Amino acid sequence: MTLKIQKCEAMLVSPTGKGQQILEEGSAADCNNITKQLKSMKRKLQTLRRAVDKQHEQHEKAVEKYKKLGAELKTVLDWLNANETIVSSRPLLERDPASVEKEIEKHK
C-alpha cells in the first residue's frame, strides 16, 4: 500500500509541469483551481500515508503479541506433556469440601 501511495505522490509531481503550462496559457482562475486541487490531493495522500503507517505499526505490535503468547502456550504445553504421567496418576478429587480436606491432609 505504501508503494501505491508513493506512486500517487510521484504522479502529483508530474502535473506541476503541466500546471506551469496552464499558468502561462490559461486564466488565473484555472491556475488557482488546479493548484487547490493539487494541494487537496497532496493532503489526502499524506493523511492516507499516516493512516497506513499507523495500521502497519498496530499490525506489527499484534504480531509480536501473538508470538509472545504462542511462546507462552508452547511452554505450558511442554510442561503439561512432560508432567502428564504424574498428573494423570493422581486420584480425582470429589467436589465436596470434606473430600478436598481429606486429600489435603493426606498430602501433608
N, C-alpha and C. Protein backbone atom coordinates (compact mmCIF):
# COMPACT_ATOMS: atom_id res chain seq x y z
N MET A 1 0.83 -1.19 0.00
CA MET A 1 0.00 0.00 0.00
C MET A 1 0.87 1.25 0.00
N THR A 2 1.95 1.21 0.75
CA THR A 2 2.84 2.36 0.80
C THR A 2 3.43 2.64 -0.57
N LEU A 3 3.73 1.59 -1.30
CA LEU A 3 4.28 1.75 -2.65
C LEU A 3 3.28 2.45 -3.56
N LYS A 4 2.00 2.09 -3.45
CA LYS A 4 0.97 2.74 -4.26
C LYS A 4 0.86 4.22 -3.91
N ILE A 5 0.96 4.53 -2.63
CA ILE A 5 0.89 5.93 -2.21
C ILE A 5 2.08 6.70 -2.78
N GLN A 6 3.26 6.09 -2.76
CA GLN A 6 4.44 6.74 -3.33
C GLN A 6 4.27 6.99 -4.82
N LYS A 7 3.66 6.04 -5.53
CA LYS A 7 3.42 6.23 -6.96
C LYS A 7 2.47 7.40 -7.19
N CYS A 8 1.43 7.49 -6.36
CA CYS A 8 0.48 8.60 -6.49
C CYS A 8 1.16 9.94 -6.21
N GLU A 9 2.03 9.95 -5.21
CA GLU A 9 2.76 11.18 -4.92
C GLU A 9 3.65 11.58 -6.08
N ALA A 10 4.26 10.59 -6.72
CA ALA A 10 5.10 10.87 -7.89
C ALA A 10 4.26 11.42 -9.03
N MET A 11 3.05 10.89 -9.16
CA MET A 11 2.17 11.37 -10.22
C MET A 11 1.75 12.83 -9.96
N LEU A 12 1.68 13.21 -8.70
CA LEU A 12 1.32 14.59 -8.38
C LEU A 12 2.43 15.56 -8.76
N VAL A 13 3.65 15.08 -8.76
CA VAL A 13 4.77 15.94 -9.14
C VAL A 13 4.73 16.24 -10.63
N SER A 14 4.36 15.26 -11.44
CA SER A 14 4.37 15.44 -12.89
C SER A 14 3.36 16.49 -13.36
N PRO A 15 2.18 16.67 -12.75
CA PRO A 15 1.29 17.72 -13.22
C PRO A 15 1.82 19.13 -12.93
N THR A 16 2.86 19.23 -12.13
CA THR A 16 3.40 20.55 -11.85
C THR A 16 3.89 21.20 -13.14
N GLY A 17 4.52 20.40 -14.01
CA GLY A 17 4.96 20.93 -15.30
C GLY A 17 3.78 21.37 -16.14
N LYS A 18 2.72 20.56 -16.14
CA LYS A 18 1.51 20.94 -16.87
C LYS A 18 0.88 22.18 -16.23
N GLY A 19 0.98 22.27 -14.92
CA GLY A 19 0.46 23.45 -14.23
C GLY A 19 1.17 24.70 -14.68
N GLN A 20 2.45 24.58 -14.90
CA GLN A 20 3.22 25.73 -15.40
C GLN A 20 2.71 26.13 -16.78
N GLN A 21 2.43 25.15 -17.62
CA GLN A 21 1.91 25.43 -18.96
C GLN A 21 0.54 26.10 -18.87
N ILE A 22 -0.31 25.62 -17.97
CA ILE A 22 -1.64 26.24 -17.80
C ILE A 22 -1.49 27.65 -17.26
N LEU A 23 -0.51 27.84 -16.36
CA LEU A 23 -0.27 29.17 -15.82
C LEU A 23 0.08 30.15 -16.93
N GLU A 24 0.87 29.68 -17.88
CA GLU A 24 1.29 30.55 -18.97
C GLU A 24 0.16 30.76 -19.99
N GLU A 25 -0.63 29.71 -20.23
CA GLU A 25 -1.63 29.78 -21.29
C GLU A 25 -3.05 30.04 -20.77
N GLY A 26 -3.35 29.59 -19.53
CA GLY A 26 -4.71 29.67 -19.03
C GLY A 26 -4.95 30.91 -18.18
N SER A 27 -6.13 30.97 -17.65
CA SER A 27 -6.51 32.11 -16.83
C SER A 27 -6.03 31.89 -15.39
N ALA A 28 -6.08 32.95 -14.62
CA ALA A 28 -5.68 32.87 -13.21
C ALA A 28 -6.64 31.96 -12.45
N ALA A 29 -7.92 31.99 -12.81
CA ALA A 29 -8.91 31.14 -12.14
C ALA A 29 -8.60 29.66 -12.39
N ASP A 30 -8.21 29.33 -13.63
CA ASP A 30 -7.83 27.94 -13.94
C ASP A 30 -6.63 27.53 -13.09
N CYS A 31 -5.66 28.39 -13.04
CA CYS A 31 -4.44 28.10 -12.28
C CYS A 31 -4.76 27.90 -10.80
N ASN A 32 -5.58 28.80 -10.24
CA ASN A 32 -5.94 28.69 -8.83
C ASN A 32 -6.71 27.41 -8.55
N ASN A 33 -7.61 27.08 -9.44
CA ASN A 33 -8.43 25.87 -9.28
C ASN A 33 -7.55 24.62 -9.29
N ILE A 34 -6.64 24.55 -10.24
CA ILE A 34 -5.74 23.39 -10.33
C ILE A 34 -4.81 23.32 -9.13
N THR A 35 -4.32 24.45 -8.69
CA THR A 35 -3.43 24.48 -7.53
C THR A 35 -4.17 23.99 -6.29
N LYS A 36 -5.42 24.42 -6.11
CA LYS A 36 -6.22 23.97 -4.97
C LYS A 36 -6.44 22.47 -5.03
N GLN A 37 -6.74 21.96 -6.22
CA GLN A 37 -6.98 20.53 -6.36
C GLN A 37 -5.72 19.72 -6.06
N LEU A 38 -4.58 20.21 -6.55
CA LEU A 38 -3.32 19.51 -6.29
C LEU A 38 -3.00 19.50 -4.80
N LYS A 39 -3.19 20.63 -4.15
CA LYS A 39 -2.91 20.70 -2.71
C LYS A 39 -3.86 19.79 -1.94
N SER A 40 -5.10 19.75 -2.36
CA SER A 40 -6.08 18.87 -1.70
C SER A 40 -5.69 17.41 -1.87
N MET A 41 -5.26 17.04 -3.05
CA MET A 41 -4.85 15.65 -3.29
C MET A 41 -3.61 15.31 -2.47
N LYS A 42 -2.68 16.25 -2.37
CA LYS A 42 -1.48 16.00 -1.57
C LYS A 42 -1.84 15.80 -0.10
N ARG A 43 -2.75 16.61 0.43
CA ARG A 43 -3.18 16.46 1.82
C ARG A 43 -3.85 15.10 2.03
N LYS A 44 -4.69 14.72 1.09
CA LYS A 44 -5.37 13.42 1.21
C LYS A 44 -4.37 12.27 1.18
N LEU A 45 -3.38 12.37 0.31
CA LEU A 45 -2.36 11.32 0.25
C LEU A 45 -1.54 11.27 1.54
N GLN A 46 -1.22 12.43 2.10
CA GLN A 46 -0.47 12.46 3.35
C GLN A 46 -1.29 11.83 4.48
N THR A 47 -2.58 12.15 4.51
CA THR A 47 -3.46 11.57 5.51
C THR A 47 -3.54 10.05 5.35
N LEU A 48 -3.66 9.61 4.11
CA LEU A 48 -3.71 8.18 3.83
C LEU A 48 -2.41 7.51 4.24
N ARG A 49 -1.29 8.14 3.95
CA ARG A 49 0.01 7.57 4.32
C ARG A 49 0.12 7.41 5.84
N ARG A 50 -0.31 8.44 6.58
CA ARG A 50 -0.25 8.35 8.04
C ARG A 50 -1.15 7.22 8.55
N ALA A 51 -2.33 7.08 7.96
CA ALA A 51 -3.25 6.01 8.38
C ALA A 51 -2.66 4.64 8.10
N VAL A 52 -2.05 4.49 6.93
CA VAL A 52 -1.44 3.21 6.57
C VAL A 52 -0.27 2.91 7.50
N ASP A 53 0.55 3.91 7.79
CA ASP A 53 1.68 3.70 8.70
C ASP A 53 1.20 3.31 10.10
N LYS A 54 0.13 3.95 10.55
CA LYS A 54 -0.43 3.64 11.87
C LYS A 54 -0.94 2.20 11.90
N GLN A 55 -1.67 1.79 10.86
CA GLN A 55 -2.18 0.42 10.78
C GLN A 55 -1.03 -0.58 10.74
N HIS A 56 0.03 -0.23 10.03
CA HIS A 56 1.19 -1.11 9.93
C HIS A 56 1.84 -1.30 11.31
N GLU A 57 1.97 -0.21 12.05
CA GLU A 57 2.54 -0.29 13.40
C GLU A 57 1.67 -1.15 14.30
N GLN A 58 0.35 -0.98 14.23
CA GLN A 58 -0.56 -1.78 15.03
C GLN A 58 -0.45 -3.26 14.67
N HIS A 59 -0.32 -3.52 13.38
CA HIS A 59 -0.17 -4.91 12.93
C HIS A 59 1.12 -5.51 13.48
N GLU A 60 2.20 -4.76 13.43
CA GLU A 60 3.48 -5.26 13.95
C GLU A 60 3.39 -5.55 15.44
N LYS A 61 2.71 -4.67 16.19
CA LYS A 61 2.55 -4.89 17.63
C LYS A 61 1.73 -6.15 17.88
N ALA A 62 0.67 -6.35 17.09
CA ALA A 62 -0.17 -7.54 17.26
C ALA A 62 0.63 -8.80 16.95
N VAL A 63 1.45 -8.76 15.92
CA VAL A 63 2.28 -9.92 15.57
C VAL A 63 3.21 -10.27 16.72
N GLU A 64 3.84 -9.25 17.30
CA GLU A 64 4.75 -9.50 18.43
C GLU A 64 3.99 -10.08 19.63
N LYS A 65 2.80 -9.55 19.87
CA LYS A 65 1.98 -10.04 20.99
C LYS A 65 1.62 -11.51 20.78
N TYR A 66 1.21 -11.87 19.56
CA TYR A 66 0.83 -13.25 19.28
C TYR A 66 2.04 -14.18 19.33
N LYS A 67 3.20 -13.69 18.93
CA LYS A 67 4.41 -14.51 19.05
C LYS A 67 4.71 -14.80 20.51
N LYS A 68 4.57 -13.77 21.34
CA LYS A 68 4.83 -13.93 22.77
C LYS A 68 3.83 -14.92 23.38
N LEU A 69 2.54 -14.75 23.04
CA LEU A 69 1.52 -15.66 23.55
C LEU A 69 1.76 -17.09 23.07
N GLY A 70 2.18 -17.22 21.82
CA GLY A 70 2.48 -18.55 21.28
C GLY A 70 3.62 -19.21 22.03
N ALA A 71 4.65 -18.43 22.36
CA ALA A 71 5.77 -18.98 23.11
C ALA A 71 5.34 -19.39 24.52
N GLU A 72 4.49 -18.59 25.15
CA GLU A 72 3.98 -18.94 26.48
C GLU A 72 3.14 -20.22 26.42
N LEU A 73 2.30 -20.31 25.40
CA LEU A 73 1.47 -21.51 25.25
C LEU A 73 2.33 -22.74 25.03
N LYS A 74 3.37 -22.60 24.23
CA LYS A 74 4.27 -23.73 23.98
C LYS A 74 4.94 -24.18 25.28
N THR A 75 5.35 -23.23 26.10
CA THR A 75 5.97 -23.56 27.38
C THR A 75 5.00 -24.34 28.28
N VAL A 76 3.77 -23.88 28.35
CA VAL A 76 2.76 -24.55 29.18
C VAL A 76 2.47 -25.95 28.63
N LEU A 77 2.32 -26.06 27.31
CA LEU A 77 2.04 -27.37 26.72
C LEU A 77 3.21 -28.33 26.92
N ASP A 78 4.44 -27.83 26.81
CA ASP A 78 5.60 -28.68 27.06
C ASP A 78 5.61 -29.18 28.50
N TRP A 79 5.28 -28.28 29.43
CA TRP A 79 5.22 -28.68 30.84
C TRP A 79 4.15 -29.74 31.04
N LEU A 80 2.98 -29.51 30.46
CA LEU A 80 1.89 -30.49 30.60
C LEU A 80 2.29 -31.85 30.01
N ASN A 81 2.93 -31.84 28.86
CA ASN A 81 3.37 -33.10 28.25
C ASN A 81 4.41 -33.80 29.12
N ALA A 82 5.32 -33.01 29.68
CA ALA A 82 6.37 -33.60 30.50
C ALA A 82 5.82 -34.17 31.80
N ASN A 83 4.77 -33.58 32.33
CA ASN A 83 4.23 -33.99 33.63
C ASN A 83 2.91 -34.73 33.51
N GLU A 84 2.58 -35.18 32.32
CA GLU A 84 1.29 -35.83 32.10
C GLU A 84 1.12 -37.09 32.95
N THR A 85 2.15 -37.90 33.05
CA THR A 85 2.02 -39.15 33.81
C THR A 85 1.82 -38.88 35.30
N ILE A 86 2.49 -37.87 35.81
CA ILE A 86 2.35 -37.54 37.23
C ILE A 86 0.93 -37.04 37.51
N VAL A 87 0.46 -36.17 36.66
CA VAL A 87 -0.87 -35.58 36.85
C VAL A 87 -1.95 -36.65 36.69
N SER A 88 -1.83 -37.49 35.69
CA SER A 88 -2.88 -38.50 35.46
C SER A 88 -2.86 -39.61 36.50
N SER A 89 -1.75 -39.81 37.20
CA SER A 89 -1.67 -40.86 38.21
C SER A 89 -2.33 -40.45 39.53
N ARG A 90 -2.54 -39.18 39.73
CA ARG A 90 -3.19 -38.71 40.96
C ARG A 90 -4.69 -38.99 40.89
N PRO A 91 -5.27 -39.30 42.04
CA PRO A 91 -6.72 -39.58 42.05
C PRO A 91 -7.52 -38.29 41.85
N LEU A 92 -8.66 -38.45 41.22
CA LEU A 92 -9.53 -37.30 41.02
C LEU A 92 -10.19 -36.93 42.34
N LEU A 93 -10.32 -35.66 42.57
CA LEU A 93 -10.98 -35.20 43.79
C LEU A 93 -12.47 -35.13 43.56
N GLU A 94 -13.18 -35.44 44.60
CA GLU A 94 -14.62 -35.20 44.55
C GLU A 94 -14.82 -33.73 44.89
N ARG A 95 -16.01 -33.25 44.63
CA ARG A 95 -16.24 -31.82 44.82
C ARG A 95 -16.66 -31.43 46.24
N ASP A 96 -17.02 -32.37 47.03
CA ASP A 96 -17.47 -31.96 48.36
C ASP A 96 -16.26 -31.54 49.20
N PRO A 97 -16.43 -30.54 50.07
CA PRO A 97 -15.32 -29.98 50.86
C PRO A 97 -14.63 -31.00 51.75
N ALA A 98 -15.36 -31.96 52.25
CA ALA A 98 -14.76 -32.96 53.14
C ALA A 98 -13.72 -33.78 52.38
N SER A 99 -14.04 -34.12 51.14
CA SER A 99 -13.11 -34.90 50.31
C SER A 99 -11.84 -34.10 50.03
N VAL A 100 -12.01 -32.82 49.74
CA VAL A 100 -10.86 -31.96 49.46
C VAL A 100 -9.98 -31.84 50.70
N GLU A 101 -10.59 -31.62 51.86
CA GLU A 101 -9.83 -31.52 53.12
C GLU A 101 -9.09 -32.82 53.40
N LYS A 102 -9.74 -33.94 53.11
CA LYS A 102 -9.13 -35.25 53.34
C LYS A 102 -7.87 -35.41 52.48
N GLU A 103 -7.95 -35.01 51.22
CA GLU A 103 -6.80 -35.12 50.30
C GLU A 103 -5.67 -34.17 50.72
N ILE A 104 -6.04 -32.99 51.22
CA ILE A 104 -5.03 -32.03 51.68
C ILE A 104 -4.28 -32.62 52.87
N GLU A 105 -5.00 -33.23 53.77
CA GLU A 105 -4.37 -33.85 54.94
C GLU A 105 -3.47 -35.02 54.55
N LYS A 106 -3.87 -35.79 53.54
CA LYS A 106 -3.05 -36.90 53.06
C LYS A 106 -1.72 -36.39 52.52
N HIS A 107 -1.74 -35.27 51.84
CA HIS A 107 -0.50 -34.73 51.24
C HIS A 107 0.42 -34.12 52.29
N LYS A 108 -0.16 -33.65 53.39
CA LYS A 108 0.68 -33.08 54.45
C LYS A 108 1.46 -34.18 55.12
